[in-house]
Amino acid sequence: MQKFLVHTIETAPEKSKPALEGLKNALGFIPNTAATMAGSPTLINSFVGGFGNFHGSGLNEVEKQTVLLTNAVTYRCVWTTAFHSTLALRAGVSVADVAAIREGRAPQDPRLAALSQLAKQLIEKKGHAAESAIDHFVAAGYSPQQVLDVIAGVALSTMAAFTANIADPPLEERFAPQAWKAA
């Protein structure tokens, strides 16, 4: 298997350094998957810029983490599942809903269930979400614009999950309590 570097600010390509510095300032550390993405300035800058935009979307933090955790599990990504399980719990997603998503089930919260179902269908059906999933999402109180916000979340998490799946960066100790294995 090809070995990918987990970069530091010092070892990253020059054009990747600002993105890593921004992550370090925002999070207090540089996640290993992002540090791996830094091997491509195109990838890390697209990812960091896109996530900045996604975090300004019409979804609240619980909803964003529900999308991102659903995506991580759907992509069967060990690293991003542990990462987003940790962030989802910190954001206020219930332990039961995090567990349900990690097991491939719908969250108990009906709004989050509709959101999770839409994200999962977008991935599994390669962008062709069933009309019923979109109708269920809107009936749960979301707007059509928020369907587009979910698409942005899916696109961004695809970058992280694909990178983590091929590079297999080490899981940071801070995410170890949420370690996960795909079924």
Protein backbone atom coordinates (compact mmCIF):
# COMPACT_ATOMS: atom_id res chain seq x y z
CA MET A 1 0.00 0.00 0.00
CA GLN A 2 1.14 3.51 -0.77
CA LYS A 3 2.31 5.36 2.33
CA PHE A 4 1.00 8.89 2.75
CA LEU A 5 2.62 11.40 5.08
CA VAL A 6 0.82 12.91 8.02
CA HIS A 7 2.24 16.40 7.62
CA THR A 8 3.04 19.04 10.17
CA ILE A 9 3.03 22.72 9.32
CA GLU A 10 6.79 22.45 8.88
CA THR A 11 6.72 19.45 6.48
CA ALA A 12 3.66 20.44 4.43
CA PRO A 13 3.98 21.92 0.96
CA GLU A 14 4.19 25.72 1.15
CA LYS A 15 0.69 26.22 -0.33
CA SER A 16 -0.81 23.86 2.29
CA LYS A 17 0.64 25.64 5.31
CA PRO A 18 -1.99 28.40 5.65
CA ALA A 19 -4.81 25.83 5.72
CA LEU A 20 -3.03 23.80 8.41
CA GLU A 21 -2.34 26.93 10.43
CA GLY A 22 -6.01 27.86 10.16
CA LEU A 23 -7.06 24.43 11.40
CA LYS A 24 -4.61 24.62 14.28
CA ASN A 25 -5.94 28.05 15.27
CA ALA A 26 -9.58 26.96 14.98
CA LEU A 27 -9.30 23.52 16.61
CA GLY A 28 -6.17 23.79 18.71
CA PHE A 29 -4.59 20.91 16.77
CA ILE A 30 -4.36 19.56 13.23
CA PRO A 31 -6.43 16.39 12.69
CA ASN A 32 -4.37 13.58 11.15
CA THR A 33 -6.63 13.21 8.13
CA ALA A 34 -6.30 16.93 7.35
CA ALA A 35 -2.55 16.66 7.90
CA THR A 36 -2.53 13.88 5.32
CA MET A 37 -4.68 15.89 2.91
CA ALA A 38 -2.03 18.62 3.13
CA GLY A 39 0.14 16.55 0.78
CA SER A 40 -2.04 18.12 -1.92
CA PRO A 41 -2.49 21.87 -1.59
CA THR A 42 -5.49 21.58 -3.93
CA LEU A 43 -7.20 19.05 -1.66
CA ILE A 44 -6.51 20.67 1.72
CA ASN A 45 -7.39 24.17 0.54
CA SER A 46 -10.62 22.98 -1.09
CA PHE A 47 -11.50 21.06 2.06
CA VAL A 48 -10.74 23.82 4.57
CA GLY A 49 -12.39 26.52 2.46
CA GLY A 50 -15.43 24.35 1.83
CA PHE A 51 -15.80 23.48 5.50
CA GLY A 52 -15.67 27.16 6.39
CA ASN A 53 -18.60 27.68 4.05
CA PHE A 54 -20.45 24.58 5.28
CA HIS A 55 -20.24 25.74 8.87
CA GLY A 56 -22.05 28.91 7.79
CA SER A 57 -24.88 26.87 6.24
CA GLY A 58 -28.52 26.74 7.29
CA LEU A 59 -27.92 23.67 9.48
CA ASN A 60 -27.15 23.97 13.18
CA GLU A 61 -24.16 22.20 14.74
CA VAL A 62 -26.16 19.12 15.81
CA GLU A 63 -27.51 18.79 12.28
CA LYS A 64 -24.09 19.29 10.68
CA GLN A 65 -22.56 16.59 12.86
CA THR A 66 -25.49 14.28 12.11
CA VAL A 67 -24.79 14.69 8.38
CA LEU A 68 -21.04 14.24 8.80
CA LEU A 69 -21.32 11.20 11.08
CA THR A 70 -23.88 9.59 8.75
CA ASN A 71 -21.52 10.17 5.85
CA ALA A 72 -18.54 8.73 7.73
CA VAL A 73 -20.45 5.53 8.55
CA THR A 74 -21.91 5.26 5.05
CA TYR A 75 -18.40 5.56 3.59
CA ARG A 76 -17.24 2.97 6.15
CA CYS A 77 -14.47 5.30 7.29
CA VAL A 78 -12.94 4.35 10.61
CA TRP A 79 -11.11 7.63 11.22
CA THR A 80 -13.93 10.03 10.27
CA THR A 81 -16.49 7.97 12.19
CA ALA A 82 -14.46 8.28 15.40
CA PHE A 83 -13.80 11.97 14.73
CA HIS A 84 -17.43 12.88 14.00
CA SER A 85 -18.79 10.67 16.80
CA THR A 86 -16.67 12.73 19.19
CA LEU A 87 -17.77 16.05 17.67
CA ALA A 88 -21.42 14.96 17.49
CA LEU A 89 -21.47 14.13 21.19
CA ARG A 90 -19.80 17.47 22.00
CA ALA A 91 -22.35 19.29 19.84
CA GLY A 92 -25.24 17.73 21.75
CA VAL A 93 -26.31 14.80 19.57
CA SER A 94 -27.69 12.26 22.04
CA VAL A 95 -25.67 9.17 22.89
CA ALA A 96 -28.56 7.05 21.56
CA ASP A 97 -28.63 8.90 18.23
CA VAL A 98 -24.84 8.68 17.81
CA ALA A 99 -25.03 4.94 18.54
CA ALA A 100 -27.88 4.49 16.06
CA ILE A 101 -26.00 6.25 13.27
CA ARG A 102 -22.83 4.26 14.03
CA GLU A 103 -24.92 1.07 13.73
CA GLY A 104 -26.40 2.18 10.40
CA ARG A 105 -29.81 2.93 11.90
CA ALA A 106 -31.85 6.12 11.88
CA PRO A 107 -31.57 8.43 14.89
CA GLN A 108 -34.52 8.46 17.30
CA ASP A 109 -35.01 12.20 16.83
CA PRO A 110 -37.42 12.44 13.85
CA ARG A 111 -35.77 15.54 12.34
CA LEU A 112 -32.30 14.03 12.60
CA ALA A 113 -33.65 10.76 11.18
CA ALA A 114 -34.92 12.57 8.08
CA LEU A 115 -31.59 14.41 7.77
CA SER A 116 -29.53 11.24 8.22
CA GLN A 117 -31.70 9.33 5.73
CA LEU A 118 -31.25 12.02 3.09
CA ALA A 119 -27.46 12.13 3.52
CA LYS A 120 -27.21 8.34 3.40
CA GLN A 121 -29.36 8.10 0.27
CA LEU A 122 -27.34 10.80 -1.49
CA ILE A 123 -24.20 8.71 -0.98
CA GLU A 124 -25.67 5.28 -1.62
CA LYS A 125 -27.57 6.40 -4.71
CA LYS A 126 -24.70 8.54 -6.03
CA GLY A 127 -26.60 11.80 -5.81
CA HIS A 128 -29.97 10.41 -6.80
CA ALA A 129 -31.84 10.80 -3.54
CA ALA A 130 -35.27 9.28 -3.64
CA GLU A 131 -37.99 11.89 -3.90
CA SER A 132 -39.52 10.34 -0.78
CA ALA A 133 -36.33 11.09 1.19
CA ILE A 134 -36.44 14.73 0.10
CA ASP A 135 -40.18 14.95 0.85
CA HIS A 136 -39.59 13.38 4.29
CA PHE A 137 -36.74 15.84 4.92
CA VAL A 138 -38.90 18.85 4.01
CA ALA A 139 -41.87 17.46 5.97
CA ALA A 140 -39.56 17.22 9.02
CA GLY A 141 -39.24 21.00 8.91
CA TYR A 142 -36.24 21.57 6.66
CA SER A 143 -36.21 23.84 3.63
CA PRO A 144 -35.35 22.94 0.05
CA GLN A 145 -32.23 25.12 0.45
CA GLN A 146 -31.11 22.85 3.26
CA VAL A 147 -31.16 19.90 0.83
CA LEU A 148 -28.37 21.78 -0.95
CA ASP A 149 -26.56 22.32 2.37
CA VAL A 150 -26.65 18.55 2.93
CA ILE A 151 -25.13 18.06 -0.53
CA ALA A 152 -22.29 20.41 0.49
CA GLY A 153 -21.72 18.35 3.64
CA VAL A 154 -21.67 15.12 1.65
CA ALA A 155 -19.19 16.58 -0.84
CA LEU A 156 -16.82 17.78 1.87
CA SER A 157 -16.98 14.63 3.95
CA THR A 158 -16.25 12.63 0.80
CA MET A 159 -12.84 14.31 0.62
CA ALA A 160 -12.01 13.41 4.21
CA ALA A 161 -13.39 9.88 4.08
CA PHE A 162 -11.67 9.01 0.82
CA THR A 163 -8.38 10.37 2.14
CA ALA A 164 -8.68 8.50 5.44
CA ASN A 165 -9.79 5.30 3.72
CA ILE A 166 -6.80 5.20 1.38
CA ALA A 167 -4.17 6.68 3.69
CA ASP A 168 -5.28 5.12 7.01
CA PRO A 169 -3.87 7.88 9.24
CA PRO A 170 -3.43 7.03 12.90
CA LEU A 171 -6.41 7.80 15.12
CA GLU A 172 -5.57 10.47 17.66
CA GLU A 173 -5.87 9.51 21.30
CA ARG A 174 -8.56 12.15 21.83
CA PHE A 175 -10.86 10.20 19.45
CA ALA A 176 -9.96 6.71 20.72
CA PRO A 177 -13.03 6.47 23.00
CA GLN A 178 -15.14 6.63 19.83
CA ALA A 179 -13.06 4.17 17.81
CA TRP A 180 -15.23 2.24 15.34
CA LYS A 181 -14.95 -0.64 12.90
CA ALA A 182 -17.07 -1.02 9.81
CA ALA A 183 -19.43 -3.98 9.84
